[in-house]
Amino acid sequence: MTNPAVKSLSILIADGHPIFVEGLRNVLTVPATRFQFQLKGVVQNENGITEMLKMFPTELLLMDMNLSDGEGLKQLPVFKKNYPNLRVLVFSQIDDARLVKATFRAGADGLLLKSTSRDELLRAIEEVMAGKTFFGKGISLTDRGMSNGSDGVLPENRFARKFGLTRREIEVMRYIGQVLNNKAIAEKLFISDQTVSVHRKNIMRKLGVNNTASLIKIAFENNLV
């Protein structure tokens, strides 16, 4: 009997490395807690993704950062625009802060190193399908440090003025961009969890968004992390 709590999830793999693809196939054949995976196909380049998305309704794209034609990240914004409900998990062989930022600016919902474990991959899938942003183990951002009384760099000033954000809200926003929860942000700024929660709600209101994933993407797009 089919478990009604298990949801069918249609997946497309875009990767040119046969061994890695075989590993993904094996993971996707093992029953998961929440999903029954339906693999729609495996492609090796951006054109393949485009054609498959036209042919089959796809909910999750598992994509190598460096496809054979080198166009994956460039086309990711197009995929996200044309298929608003598509969630994208990107895989990378290296942890490079510049590439990490470029990946999320392009619209990725999660990023994993190719050395990831089965459990981490399944957790990443659950989180991105729940509308969250996922940073895999070993993925890091360059911590430029928090401003200490100064107005910060020019992009932050422009962003703050545009949306009417206070200096404290910018600080919170930068930590949100690093995917820290309220408790972790509170410890960084020496304030209470409740105060961080208020700042987060005010930031969402000013930016006109209603979830943390949107805040994280805005932080990347505006060079706050």
Protein backbone atom coordinates (compact mmCIF):
# COMPACT_ATOMS: atom_id res chain seq x y z
CA MET A 1 0.00 0.00 0.00
CA THR A 2 1.28 3.45 -0.88
CA ASN A 3 2.06 5.68 2.08
CA PRO A 4 0.02 8.88 1.60
CA ALA A 5 2.69 10.80 3.55
CA VAL A 6 5.27 10.01 0.85
CA LYS A 7 5.17 12.49 -2.03
CA SER A 8 6.30 11.73 -5.57
CA LEU A 9 9.13 14.06 -6.61
CA SER A 10 10.18 14.43 -10.26
CA ILE A 11 13.93 14.98 -10.68
CA LEU A 12 16.27 15.85 -13.54
CA ILE A 13 20.04 15.28 -13.26
CA ALA A 14 22.40 17.52 -15.23
CA ASP A 15 25.95 16.22 -14.91
CA GLY A 16 28.64 14.95 -17.26
CA HIS A 17 30.46 12.64 -14.85
CA PRO A 18 29.14 9.05 -15.20
CA ILE A 19 30.44 7.84 -11.82
CA PHE A 20 28.80 10.71 -9.95
CA VAL A 21 25.56 10.26 -11.88
CA GLU A 22 25.54 6.58 -11.01
CA GLY A 23 25.94 7.50 -7.35
CA LEU A 24 22.98 9.88 -7.56
CA ARG A 25 20.90 7.19 -9.26
CA ASN A 26 21.65 4.79 -6.43
CA VAL A 27 20.68 7.33 -3.81
CA LEU A 28 17.42 8.11 -5.58
CA THR A 29 16.41 4.44 -5.74
CA VAL A 30 16.53 4.07 -1.96
CA PRO A 31 13.20 4.90 -0.26
CA ALA A 32 13.35 8.24 1.53
CA THR A 33 11.34 9.51 4.47
CA ARG A 34 9.23 12.05 2.59
CA PHE A 35 9.68 11.43 -1.13
CA GLN A 36 9.44 8.77 -3.77
CA PHE A 37 11.90 9.95 -6.40
CA GLN A 38 10.95 9.84 -10.08
CA LEU A 39 14.06 10.36 -12.23
CA LYS A 40 12.97 11.96 -15.51
CA GLY A 41 16.34 11.83 -17.17
CA VAL A 42 20.07 12.62 -17.19
CA VAL A 43 21.57 15.34 -19.41
CA GLN A 44 25.06 16.76 -19.82
CA ASN A 45 24.54 20.36 -20.87
CA GLU A 46 22.27 23.41 -20.79
CA ASN A 47 20.53 22.47 -24.02
CA GLY A 48 19.63 19.12 -22.54
CA ILE A 49 18.12 20.79 -19.50
CA THR A 50 16.08 23.11 -21.69
CA GLU A 51 14.67 20.26 -23.75
CA MET A 52 13.88 18.04 -20.77
CA LEU A 53 12.12 20.83 -18.88
CA LYS A 54 9.92 21.39 -21.93
CA MET A 55 9.09 17.68 -22.20
CA PHE A 56 8.57 16.68 -18.55
CA PRO A 57 7.16 18.52 -15.53
CA THR A 58 10.17 18.69 -13.22
CA GLU A 59 10.22 19.78 -9.59
CA LEU A 60 13.91 19.42 -8.74
CA LEU A 61 17.03 19.92 -10.86
CA LEU A 62 20.28 18.39 -9.57
CA MET A 63 22.94 20.27 -11.53
CA ASP A 64 26.71 20.25 -11.75
CA MET A 65 28.15 23.76 -11.45
CA ASN A 66 30.45 23.06 -14.41
CA LEU A 67 28.43 21.48 -17.20
CA SER A 68 30.16 20.44 -20.43
CA ASP A 69 29.19 23.66 -22.21
CA GLY A 70 29.99 25.89 -19.25
CA GLU A 71 26.62 27.62 -19.49
CA GLY A 72 24.74 26.10 -16.55
CA LEU A 73 24.96 28.99 -14.11
CA LYS A 74 24.42 31.53 -16.89
CA GLN A 75 21.15 29.87 -17.86
CA LEU A 76 19.95 29.15 -14.32
CA PRO A 77 18.09 32.50 -14.03
CA VAL A 78 16.26 31.63 -17.26
CA PHE A 79 15.24 28.22 -15.92
CA LYS A 80 13.98 29.78 -12.69
CA LYS A 81 12.05 32.46 -14.55
CA ASN A 82 10.43 30.03 -16.98
CA TYR A 83 9.67 27.45 -14.30
CA PRO A 84 8.94 29.34 -11.04
CA ASN A 85 8.25 26.16 -9.06
CA LEU A 86 11.51 24.49 -10.06
CA ARG A 87 13.95 23.99 -7.20
CA VAL A 88 17.65 23.68 -8.00
CA LEU A 89 20.43 21.95 -6.08
CA VAL A 90 23.89 22.67 -7.47
CA PHE A 91 26.94 20.45 -6.97
CA SER A 92 30.53 21.69 -6.95
CA GLN A 93 33.90 19.99 -6.66
CA ILE A 94 35.46 22.97 -4.89
CA ASP A 95 34.51 25.45 -2.19
CA ASP A 96 35.17 28.88 -3.68
CA ALA A 97 33.47 31.87 -2.05
CA ARG A 98 33.23 33.70 -5.37
CA LEU A 99 31.51 30.75 -7.04
CA VAL A 100 29.27 30.18 -4.04
CA LYS A 101 27.98 33.73 -4.30
CA ALA A 102 27.58 33.50 -8.07
CA THR A 103 25.60 30.28 -7.67
CA PHE A 104 23.06 31.80 -5.33
CA ARG A 105 22.83 35.05 -7.26
CA ALA A 106 21.93 32.93 -10.28
CA GLY A 107 18.97 31.50 -8.36
CA ALA A 108 20.18 28.21 -6.85
CA ASP A 109 18.23 26.95 -3.86
CA GLY A 110 21.05 24.88 -2.45
CA LEU A 111 24.73 24.09 -2.93
CA LEU A 112 26.55 20.87 -2.06
CA LEU A 113 30.11 19.69 -2.51
CA LYS A 114 30.40 16.53 -4.60
CA SER A 115 31.92 14.86 -1.55
CA THR A 116 28.54 15.09 0.19
CA SER A 117 26.97 12.11 1.93
CA ARG A 118 23.68 10.40 1.11
CA ASP A 119 22.11 11.69 4.34
CA GLU A 120 23.14 15.27 3.61
CA LEU A 121 21.79 15.06 0.07
CA LEU A 122 18.43 13.78 1.30
CA ARG A 123 18.32 16.54 3.93
CA ALA A 124 19.16 19.14 1.28
CA ILE A 125 16.35 17.87 -0.94
CA GLU A 126 13.84 18.08 1.90
CA GLU A 127 14.90 21.62 2.81
CA VAL A 128 14.91 23.12 -0.67
CA MET A 129 11.55 21.48 -1.46
CA ALA A 130 10.25 23.15 1.71
CA GLY A 131 11.30 26.53 0.32
CA LYS A 132 14.50 26.84 2.33
CA THR A 133 18.06 27.55 1.22
CA PHE A 134 20.66 24.86 1.85
CA PHE A 135 24.42 25.23 2.34
CA GLY A 136 26.22 21.89 2.32
CA LYS A 137 28.97 20.88 4.70
CA GLY A 138 32.22 22.54 3.70
CA ILE A 139 30.52 25.40 1.86
CA SER A 140 31.65 28.70 3.33
CA LEU A 141 31.53 32.43 2.66
CA THR A 142 34.27 34.95 3.23
CA ASP A 143 33.43 36.71 6.48
CA ARG A 144 34.25 40.35 5.86
CA GLY A 145 33.40 41.22 9.43
CA MET A 146 30.69 43.43 10.81
CA SER A 147 30.84 47.19 10.69
CA ASN A 148 31.67 48.83 14.02
CA GLY A 149 30.15 52.26 13.91
CA SER A 150 30.93 53.04 10.29
CA ASP A 151 28.33 53.11 7.56
CA GLY A 152 29.88 50.14 5.77
CA VAL A 153 30.81 49.84 2.12
CA LEU A 154 29.02 51.78 -0.58
CA PRO A 155 26.77 48.94 -1.91
CA GLU A 156 25.40 48.50 1.60
CA ASN A 157 24.76 52.21 1.92
CA ARG A 158 22.83 52.27 -1.34
CA PHE A 159 20.85 49.18 -0.36
CA ALA A 160 20.06 50.59 3.09
CA ARG A 161 18.91 53.93 1.69
CA LYS A 162 16.79 52.30 -1.02
CA PHE A 163 14.78 50.20 1.44
CA GLY A 164 15.07 52.34 4.56
CA LEU A 165 17.07 49.79 6.54
CA THR A 166 18.87 50.76 9.72
CA ARG A 167 22.52 49.90 10.33
CA ARG A 168 21.45 47.15 12.74
CA GLU A 169 19.05 45.73 10.17
CA ILE A 170 21.89 45.62 7.64
CA GLU A 171 24.00 43.71 10.16
CA VAL A 172 21.17 41.22 10.71
CA MET A 173 20.63 40.97 6.96
CA ARG A 174 24.27 40.09 6.36
CA TYR A 175 24.09 37.28 8.91
CA ILE A 176 20.83 36.06 7.41
CA GLY A 177 22.73 35.86 4.13
CA GLN A 178 25.14 33.48 5.86
CA VAL A 179 22.14 31.25 6.71
CA LEU A 180 22.39 31.81 10.46
CA ASN A 181 19.29 31.34 12.60
CA ASN A 182 18.01 33.86 15.13
CA LYS A 183 19.91 32.33 18.03
CA ALA A 184 23.24 32.38 16.18
CA ILE A 185 22.68 35.98 15.01
CA ALA A 186 21.78 37.02 18.55
CA GLU A 187 25.07 35.57 19.83
CA LYS A 188 27.03 37.40 17.13
CA LEU A 189 25.40 40.77 17.89
CA PHE A 190 25.03 40.32 21.67
CA ILE A 191 21.27 40.85 21.56
CA SER A 192 18.30 38.62 22.36
CA ASP A 193 16.64 36.10 20.03
CA GLN A 194 13.44 38.11 20.29
CA THR A 195 15.19 41.27 19.14
CA VAL A 196 16.62 39.45 16.13
CA SER A 197 13.14 38.13 15.35
CA VAL A 198 11.76 41.68 15.38
CA HIS A 199 14.56 42.88 13.09
CA ARG A 200 13.93 39.96 10.72
CA LYS A 201 10.21 40.76 10.51
CA ASN A 202 10.92 44.45 9.91
CA ILE A 203 13.43 43.60 7.16
CA MET A 204 10.90 41.32 5.46
CA ARG A 205 8.27 44.04 5.63
CA LYS A 206 10.58 46.67 4.16
CA LEU A 207 11.80 44.38 1.37
CA GLY A 208 8.33 43.07 0.61
CA VAL A 209 9.16 39.36 1.06
CA ASN A 210 7.68 36.71 3.33
CA ASN A 211 10.35 34.04 3.75
CA THR A 212 13.99 33.64 4.70
CA ALA A 213 14.98 32.08 1.37
CA SER A 214 14.07 35.34 -0.36
CA LEU A 215 16.11 37.33 2.16
CA ILE A 216 19.15 35.14 1.55
CA LYS A 217 18.95 35.60 -2.21
CA ILE A 218 18.52 39.36 -1.85
CA ALA A 219 21.58 39.45 0.43
CA PHE A 220 23.63 37.71 -2.28
CA GLU A 221 22.27 39.85 -5.08
CA ASN A 222 23.21 43.03 -3.22
CA ASN A 223 26.70 41.93 -2.14
CA LEU A 224 25.86 41.86 1.56
CA VAL A 225 27.76 38.58 2.01
